[in-house]
């Protein structure tokens, strides 16, 4: 089995991890998300699982179209990225984006090396 790590999985799980640490961050740059994704994929490969990071312009446009009620494209300090829409709670993100994850993938999203790029020490 090959895990396909998508932008929506990266954004949702990064924001969940940030919120669980009590941090008030609602914006993530695309470069930070790409680095987070690379670490998630590396974690999976290190435990013997196949994984692919699926990021592209088309997939990003589809992401913003599909999840416009939760996320919006934004820019801060000259860097483009993803912002969480107002009034979206961490529990909504958990319910919508973590319930279906296989355990290996969930562990990859919350591993200390993965979340370290987000400024969190697990």
C-alpha atoms as a PDB file:
ATOM      1  CA  UNK A   1       0.000   0.000   0.000  1.00  0.00           C
ATOM      2  CA  UNK A   2       1.223   3.474  -0.891  1.00  0.00           C
ATOM      3  CA  UNK A   3       0.111   6.444   1.190  1.00  0.00           C
ATOM      4  CA  UNK A   4      -0.840   9.524  -0.824  1.00  0.00           C
ATOM      5  CA  UNK A   5      -0.200  12.594   1.310  1.00  0.00           C
ATOM      6  CA  UNK A   6      -2.397  15.427   0.049  1.00  0.00           C
ATOM      7  CA  UNK A   7      -2.394  19.156   0.749  1.00  0.00           C
ATOM      8  CA  UNK A   8      -5.652  18.923   2.708  1.00  0.00           C
ATOM      9  CA  UNK A   9      -4.128  16.289   5.006  1.00  0.00           C
ATOM     10  CA  UNK A  10      -1.053  18.463   5.580  1.00  0.00           C
ATOM     11  CA  UNK A  11      -2.995  21.636   6.283  1.00  0.00           C
ATOM     12  CA  UNK A  12      -5.571  20.045   8.569  1.00  0.00           C
ATOM     13  CA  UNK A  13      -3.094  17.982  10.581  1.00  0.00           C
ATOM     14  CA  UNK A  14      -0.593  20.821  10.906  1.00  0.00           C
ATOM     15  CA  UNK A  15      -3.298  23.168  12.188  1.00  0.00           C
ATOM     16  CA  UNK A  16      -4.639  20.509  14.570  1.00  0.00           C
ATOM     17  CA  UNK A  17      -1.143  19.992  16.015  1.00  0.00           C
ATOM     18  CA  UNK A  18      -0.629  23.754  16.352  1.00  0.00           C
ATOM     19  CA  UNK A  19      -3.998  24.287  18.049  1.00  0.00           C
ATOM     20  CA  UNK A  20      -3.444  21.335  20.404  1.00  0.00           C
ATOM     21  CA  UNK A  21      -0.300  23.128  21.600  1.00  0.00           C
ATOM     22  CA  UNK A  22      -2.415  26.199  22.391  1.00  0.00           C
ATOM     23  CA  UNK A  23      -0.774  28.279  19.672  1.00  0.00           C
ATOM     24  CA  UNK A  24      -2.892  30.902  17.934  1.00  0.00           C
ATOM     25  CA  UNK A  25      -1.512  30.338  14.437  1.00  0.00           C
ATOM     26  CA  UNK A  26      -4.057  30.195  11.617  1.00  0.00           C
ATOM     27  CA  UNK A  27      -1.761  30.648   8.592  1.00  0.00           C
ATOM     28  CA  UNK A  28       0.823  28.284   7.101  1.00  0.00           C
ATOM     29  CA  UNK A  29       3.057  29.080   4.151  1.00  0.00           C
ATOM     30  CA  UNK A  30       3.195  26.710   1.220  1.00  0.00           C
ATOM     31  CA  UNK A  31       6.920  26.242   1.827  1.00  0.00           C
ATOM     32  CA  UNK A  32       6.335  25.216   5.455  1.00  0.00           C
ATOM     33  CA  UNK A  33       3.595  22.814   4.369  1.00  0.00           C
ATOM     34  CA  UNK A  34       5.893  21.295   1.758  1.00  0.00           C
ATOM     35  CA  UNK A  35       8.615  20.769   4.349  1.00  0.00           C
ATOM     36  CA  UNK A  36       6.085  19.272   6.782  1.00  0.00           C
ATOM     37  CA  UNK A  37       4.905  16.954   4.002  1.00  0.00           C
ATOM     38  CA  UNK A  38       8.458  15.858   3.210  1.00  0.00           C
ATOM     39  CA  UNK A  39       8.998  14.968   6.860  1.00  0.00           C
ATOM     40  CA  UNK A  40       5.726  13.014   6.994  1.00  0.00           C
ATOM     41  CA  UNK A  41       6.760  11.047   3.892  1.00  0.00           C
ATOM     42  CA  UNK A  42      10.249  10.442   5.321  1.00  0.00           C
ATOM     43  CA  UNK A  43       8.730   9.117   8.553  1.00  0.00           C
ATOM     44  CA  UNK A  44       6.589   6.679   6.602  1.00  0.00           C
ATOM     45  CA  UNK A  45       9.514   5.535   4.470  1.00  0.00           C
ATOM     46  CA  UNK A  46      11.642   5.077   7.604  1.00  0.00           C
ATOM     47  CA  UNK A  47       9.065   2.617   8.968  1.00  0.00           C
ATOM     48  CA  UNK A  48       8.981   0.728   5.679  1.00  0.00           C
ATOM     49  CA  UNK A  49       5.849   2.231   4.120  1.00  0.00           C
ATOM     50  CA  UNK A  50       5.555   3.637   0.605  1.00  0.00           C
ATOM     51  CA  UNK A  51       4.424   7.257   0.506  1.00  0.00           C
ATOM     52  CA  UNK A  52       4.102  10.032  -2.044  1.00  0.00           C
ATOM     53  CA  UNK A  53       3.618  13.736  -1.453  1.00  0.00           C
ATOM     54  CA  UNK A  54       0.926  14.932  -3.892  1.00  0.00           C
ATOM     55  CA  UNK A  55       1.364  18.662  -4.427  1.00  0.00           C
ATOM     56  CA  UNK A  56       0.728  20.565  -7.631  1.00  0.00           C
ATOM     57  CA  UNK A  57      -0.889  23.789  -8.814  1.00  0.00           C
ATOM     58  CA  UNK A  58      -3.977  21.912 -10.054  1.00  0.00           C
ATOM     59  CA  UNK A  59      -4.353  20.011  -6.791  1.00  0.00           C
ATOM     60  CA  UNK A  60      -3.958  23.261  -4.841  1.00  0.00           C
ATOM     61  CA  UNK A  61      -6.705  24.951  -6.859  1.00  0.00           C
ATOM     62  CA  UNK A  62      -8.970  21.924  -6.303  1.00  0.00           C
ATOM     63  CA  UNK A  63      -8.175  22.047  -2.573  1.00  0.00           C
ATOM     64  CA  UNK A  64      -9.275  25.686  -2.267  1.00  0.00           C
ATOM     65  CA  UNK A  65     -12.401  25.017  -4.312  1.00  0.00           C
ATOM     66  CA  UNK A  66     -13.406  21.893  -2.369  1.00  0.00           C
ATOM     67  CA  UNK A  67     -12.624  23.194   1.130  1.00  0.00           C
ATOM     68  CA  UNK A  68     -13.467  26.900   0.723  1.00  0.00           C
ATOM     69  CA  UNK A  69     -15.643  26.763   3.856  1.00  0.00           C
ATOM     70  CA  UNK A  70     -12.584  25.771   5.932  1.00  0.00           C
ATOM     71  CA  UNK A  71      -9.485  27.233   4.249  1.00  0.00           C
ATOM     72  CA  UNK A  72      -8.570  30.149   2.037  1.00  0.00           C
ATOM     73  CA  UNK A  73      -5.514  31.165   0.098  1.00  0.00           C
ATOM     74  CA  UNK A  74      -3.761  34.040   1.787  1.00  0.00           C
ATOM     75  CA  UNK A  75      -0.499  35.956   1.970  1.00  0.00           C
ATOM     76  CA  UNK A  76       1.475  37.120   4.990  1.00  0.00           C
ATOM     77  CA  UNK A  77       4.816  38.896   4.980  1.00  0.00           C
ATOM     78  CA  UNK A  78       5.101  38.360   1.242  1.00  0.00           C
ATOM     79  CA  UNK A  79       4.636  34.582   1.444  1.00  0.00           C
ATOM     80  CA  UNK A  80       1.642  32.755   0.026  1.00  0.00           C
ATOM     81  CA  UNK A  81      -0.060  30.010   1.953  1.00  0.00           C
ATOM     82  CA  UNK A  82      -3.219  28.691   3.548  1.00  0.00           C
ATOM     83  CA  UNK A  83      -5.297  30.395   6.216  1.00  0.00           C
ATOM     84  CA  UNK A  84      -7.913  28.755   8.390  1.00  0.00           C
ATOM     85  CA  UNK A  85     -11.310  30.401   7.982  1.00  0.00           C
ATOM     86  CA  UNK A  86     -12.813  32.107  10.973  1.00  0.00           C
ATOM     87  CA  UNK A  87     -14.910  30.066  13.381  1.00  0.00           C
ATOM     88  CA  UNK A  88     -13.435  26.723  12.270  1.00  0.00           C
ATOM     89  CA  UNK A  89     -12.554  24.805  15.411  1.00  0.00           C
ATOM     90  CA  UNK A  90      -9.847  22.212  15.983  1.00  0.00           C
ATOM     91  CA  UNK A  91     -12.541  19.653  16.836  1.00  0.00           C
ATOM     92  CA  UNK A  92     -14.150  20.209  13.432  1.00  0.00           C
ATOM     93  CA  UNK A  93     -10.802  19.569  11.774  1.00  0.00           C
ATOM     94  CA  UNK A  94     -10.204  16.453  13.877  1.00  0.00           C
ATOM     95  CA  UNK A  95     -13.651  15.064  13.100  1.00  0.00           C
ATOM     96  CA  UNK A  96     -13.375  15.765   9.379  1.00  0.00           C
ATOM     97  CA  UNK A  97      -9.716  14.911   8.713  1.00  0.00           C
ATOM     98  CA  UNK A  98      -8.431  12.475  11.318  1.00  0.00           C
ATOM     99  CA  UNK A  99     -11.194   9.914  11.686  1.00  0.00           C
ATOM    100  CA  UNK A 100     -10.362   8.122   8.440  1.00  0.00           C
ATOM    101  CA  UNK A 101      -6.568   8.132   8.720  1.00  0.00           C
ATOM    102  CA  UNK A 102      -4.697   4.841   9.015  1.00  0.00           C
ATOM    103  CA  UNK A 103      -2.667   4.691  12.225  1.00  0.00           C
ATOM    104  CA  UNK A 104       0.697   4.805  10.412  1.00  0.00           C
ATOM    105  CA  UNK A 105      -0.294   8.001   8.652  1.00  0.00           C
ATOM    106  CA  UNK A 106      -1.632   9.622  11.829  1.00  0.00           C
ATOM    107  CA  UNK A 107       1.609   8.772  13.624  1.00  0.00           C
ATOM    108  CA  UNK A 108       3.567  10.339  10.756  1.00  0.00           C
ATOM    109  CA  UNK A 109       1.583  13.580  11.044  1.00  0.00           C
ATOM    110  CA  UNK A 110       2.191  13.852  14.794  1.00  0.00           C
ATOM    111  CA  UNK A 111       5.747  12.508  14.965  1.00  0.00           C
ATOM    112  CA  UNK A 112       8.208  14.834  16.756  1.00  0.00           C
ATOM    113  CA  UNK A 113      10.337  15.247  13.628  1.00  0.00           C
ATOM    114  CA  UNK A 114       7.304  16.150  11.502  1.00  0.00           C
ATOM    115  CA  UNK A 115       5.795  18.709  13.874  1.00  0.00           C
ATOM    116  CA  UNK A 116       9.199  20.216  14.657  1.00  0.00           C
ATOM    117  CA  UNK A 117       9.022  22.144  11.369  1.00  0.00           C
ATOM    118  CA  UNK A 118       5.814  23.752  12.663  1.00  0.00           C
ATOM    119  CA  UNK A 119       7.605  25.130  15.718  1.00  0.00           C
ATOM    120  CA  UNK A 120       6.224  22.449  18.014  1.00  0.00           C
ATOM    121  CA  UNK A 121       8.259  20.091  20.138  1.00  0.00           C
ATOM    122  CA  UNK A 122       6.339  16.913  20.838  1.00  0.00           C
END
